[in-house]
C-alpha atoms as a PDB file:
ATOM      1  CA  MET A   1       0.341  -0.297   0.157  1.00  0.00           C
ATOM      2  CA  GLY A   2       0.920   3.180  -0.887  1.00  0.00           C
ATOM      3  CA  VAL A   3       1.659   6.469   1.480  1.00  0.00           C
ATOM      4  CA  ARG A   4      -1.534   8.225   2.045  1.00  0.00           C
ATOM      5  CA  LEU A   5      -1.257  12.291   1.089  1.00  0.00           C
ATOM      6  CA  PRO A   6      -2.613  14.486   3.695  1.00  0.00           C
ATOM      7  CA  VAL A   7      -5.984  15.503   2.330  1.00  0.00           C
ATOM      8  CA  VAL A   8      -4.802  19.069   1.667  1.00  0.00           C
ATOM      9  CA  ALA A   9      -1.971  17.793  -0.266  1.00  0.00           C
ATOM     10  CA  LEU A  10      -4.418  15.581  -2.071  1.00  0.00           C
ATOM     11  CA  ALA A  11      -6.682  18.289  -3.061  1.00  0.00           C
ATOM     12  CA  ARG A  12      -3.971  20.513  -4.481  1.00  0.00           C
ATOM     13  CA  GLN A  13      -2.693  17.518  -6.449  1.00  0.00           C
ATOM     14  CA  ILE A  14      -6.400  17.017  -8.002  1.00  0.00           C
ATOM     15  CA  LEU A  15      -6.630  20.927  -9.031  1.00  0.00           C
ATOM     16  CA  SER A  16      -3.327  21.233 -10.354  1.00  0.00           C
ATOM     17  CA  ARG A  17      -3.402  18.229 -12.242  1.00  0.00           C
ATOM     18  CA  SER A  18      -6.796  19.123 -13.727  1.00  0.00           C
ATOM     19  CA  ALA A  19      -5.667  22.818 -14.363  1.00  0.00           C
ATOM     20  CA  SER A  20      -4.722  22.299 -17.678  1.00  0.00           C
ATOM     21  CA  ILE A  21      -7.998  20.831 -18.536  1.00  0.00           C
ATOM     22  CA  ALA A  22      -9.774  23.484 -16.437  1.00  0.00           C
ATOM     23  CA  SER A  23      -8.225  26.506 -18.186  1.00  0.00           C
ATOM     24  CA  ARG A  24      -9.582  25.065 -21.625  1.00  0.00           C
ATOM     25  CA  ALA A  25     -12.753  24.983 -20.442  1.00  0.00           C
ATOM     26  CA  ALA A  26     -12.567  28.398 -18.649  1.00  0.00           C
ATOM     27  CA  SER A  27     -13.757  29.908 -21.878  1.00  0.00           C
ATOM     28  CA  THR A  28     -17.260  28.264 -21.364  1.00  0.00           C
ATOM     29  CA  SER A  29     -17.588  28.517 -17.897  1.00  0.00           C
ATOM     30  CA  SER A  30     -17.483  31.977 -15.334  1.00  0.00           C
ATOM     31  CA  GLU A  31     -14.327  32.793 -13.469  1.00  0.00           C
ATOM     32  CA  VAL A  32     -13.893  31.538  -9.822  1.00  0.00           C
ATOM     33  CA  PRO A  33     -12.961  34.371  -7.081  1.00  0.00           C
ATOM     34  CA  ARG A  34      -9.550  34.266  -5.327  1.00  0.00           C
ATOM     35  CA  GLY A  35      -9.907  32.408  -2.403  1.00  0.00           C
ATOM     36  CA  PHE A  36     -12.381  29.986  -3.688  1.00  0.00           C
ATOM     37  CA  PHE A  37     -12.388  26.733  -5.858  1.00  0.00           C
ATOM     38  CA  ALA A  38     -15.173  25.156  -8.011  1.00  0.00           C
ATOM     39  CA  VAL A  39     -16.181  21.460  -7.478  1.00  0.00           C
ATOM     40  CA  TYR A  40     -18.646  19.271  -9.478  1.00  0.00           C
ATOM     41  CA  VAL A  41     -21.471  17.514  -7.107  1.00  0.00           C
ATOM     42  CA  GLY A  42     -23.881  14.817  -7.872  1.00  0.00           C
ATOM     43  CA  GLU A  43     -24.326  11.075  -8.736  1.00  0.00           C
ATOM     44  CA  ASN A  44     -25.766  11.449 -12.521  1.00  0.00           C
ATOM     45  CA  GLN A  45     -26.024  15.128 -13.676  1.00  0.00           C
ATOM     46  CA  LYS A  46     -22.850  17.160 -12.104  1.00  0.00           C
ATOM     47  CA  ARG A  47     -23.828  20.494 -10.880  1.00  0.00           C
ATOM     48  CA  ARG A  48     -21.254  22.923 -10.276  1.00  0.00           C
ATOM     49  CA  PHE A  49     -20.480  24.679  -6.912  1.00  0.00           C
ATOM     50  CA  VAL A  50     -17.895  27.270  -6.003  1.00  0.00           C
ATOM     51  CA  VAL A  51     -16.425  26.790  -2.058  1.00  0.00           C
ATOM     52  CA  PRO A  52     -13.720  28.706  -0.092  1.00  0.00           C
ATOM     53  CA  VAL A  53     -10.753  26.751   0.483  1.00  0.00           C
ATOM     54  CA  SER A  54     -11.136  27.035   3.848  1.00  0.00           C
ATOM     55  CA  TYR A  55     -13.406  24.168   3.669  1.00  0.00           C
ATOM     56  CA  LEU A  56     -10.173  22.392   2.617  1.00  0.00           C
ATOM     57  CA  ASN A  57      -9.380  22.291   6.963  1.00  0.00           C
ATOM     58  CA  GLN A  58     -12.609  20.820   7.535  1.00  0.00           C
ATOM     59  CA  PRO A  59     -12.904  17.181   8.700  1.00  0.00           C
ATOM     60  CA  LEU A  60     -16.302  17.349   6.973  1.00  0.00           C
ATOM     61  CA  PHE A  61     -15.349  18.567   3.736  1.00  0.00           C
ATOM     62  CA  GLN A  62     -11.991  16.099   3.972  1.00  0.00           C
ATOM     63  CA  ASP A  63     -14.757  13.399   4.137  1.00  0.00           C
ATOM     64  CA  LEU A  64     -16.310  14.068   0.942  1.00  0.00           C
ATOM     65  CA  LEU A  65     -12.980  14.575  -0.661  1.00  0.00           C
ATOM     66  CA  ARG A  66     -11.640  11.006   0.683  1.00  0.00           C
ATOM     67  CA  LYS A  67     -14.892   9.695  -1.345  1.00  0.00           C
ATOM     68  CA  ALA A  68     -14.050  11.674  -4.549  1.00  0.00           C
ATOM     69  CA  GLU A  69     -10.255  10.009  -4.112  1.00  0.00           C
ATOM     70  CA  GLU A  70     -11.786   6.396  -3.407  1.00  0.00           C
ATOM     71  CA  GLU A  71     -14.099   6.781  -6.580  1.00  0.00           C
ATOM     72  CA  PHE A  72     -12.050   9.002  -9.132  1.00  0.00           C
ATOM     73  CA  GLY A  73      -8.332   9.019  -8.000  1.00  0.00           C
ATOM     74  CA  PHE A  74      -6.819  11.790 -10.000  1.00  0.00           C
ATOM     75  CA  ASN A  75      -8.856  10.797 -13.630  1.00  0.00           C
ATOM     76  CA  HIS A  76     -11.674  13.313 -12.780  1.00  0.00           C
ATOM     77  CA  PRO A  77     -14.625  13.024 -15.917  1.00  0.00           C
ATOM     78  CA  THR A  78     -15.205  17.199 -15.643  1.00  0.00           C
ATOM     79  CA  GLY A  79     -11.429  18.221 -15.430  1.00  0.00           C
ATOM     80  CA  GLY A  80     -12.148  19.860 -12.189  1.00  0.00           C
ATOM     81  CA  LEU A  81     -12.848  18.191  -8.595  1.00  0.00           C
ATOM     82  CA  THR A  82     -15.375  16.100  -8.589  1.00  0.00           C
ATOM     83  CA  ILE A  83     -17.212  15.235  -5.468  1.00  0.00           C
ATOM     84  CA  PRO A  84     -19.635  11.731  -5.992  1.00  0.00           C
ATOM     85  CA  CYS A  85     -22.326  12.219  -3.532  1.00  0.00           C
ATOM     86  CA  ARG A  86     -26.044  13.941  -3.704  1.00  0.00           C
ATOM     87  CA  VAL A  87     -26.502  17.574  -4.405  1.00  0.00           C
ATOM     88  CA  ASP A  88     -28.698  17.547  -1.461  1.00  0.00           C
ATOM     89  CA  THR A  89     -25.586  16.080   0.985  1.00  0.00           C
ATOM     90  CA  PHE A  90     -23.316  18.231  -0.632  1.00  0.00           C
ATOM     91  CA  ILE A  91     -25.345  21.186   0.235  1.00  0.00           C
ATOM     92  CA  ASP A  92     -26.137  19.823   3.696  1.00  0.00           C
ATOM     93  CA  VAL A  93     -22.518  19.806   4.506  1.00  0.00           C
ATOM     94  CA  THR A  94     -21.475  23.315   3.291  1.00  0.00           C
ATOM     95  CA  SER A  95     -24.770  24.744   4.723  1.00  0.00           C
ATOM     96  CA  ARG A  96     -22.795  23.150   8.063  1.00  0.00           C
ATOM     97  CA  LEU A  97     -19.454  24.426   7.418  1.00  0.00           C
ATOM     98  CA  SER A  98     -20.782  28.258   6.558  1.00  0.00           C
ATOM     99  CA  SER A  99     -22.523  28.452  10.061  1.00  0.00           C
ATOM    100  CA  SER A 100     -20.144  27.063  11.992  1.00  0.00           C
END
């Protein structure tokens, strides 16, 4: 078994590897403000959410990143970070994070 990267380093690696794909798609998507990043959420149809980078330090969000790692590794189908959970679950998790 290989060495597991800390979750923040894992997210950075996923985002940097998908940056070239995402930059090509930037002409069709809106810009992401500084201090935020885009994620794609959903089981079948993907919805795009822009979330603060501070979420990367939150255990609840790190659980979602681990789930993404298990399902996709570094090969995200949208070119960005894809989180394989239901949209309503993601909204529930992020609303908890924003209220804390």
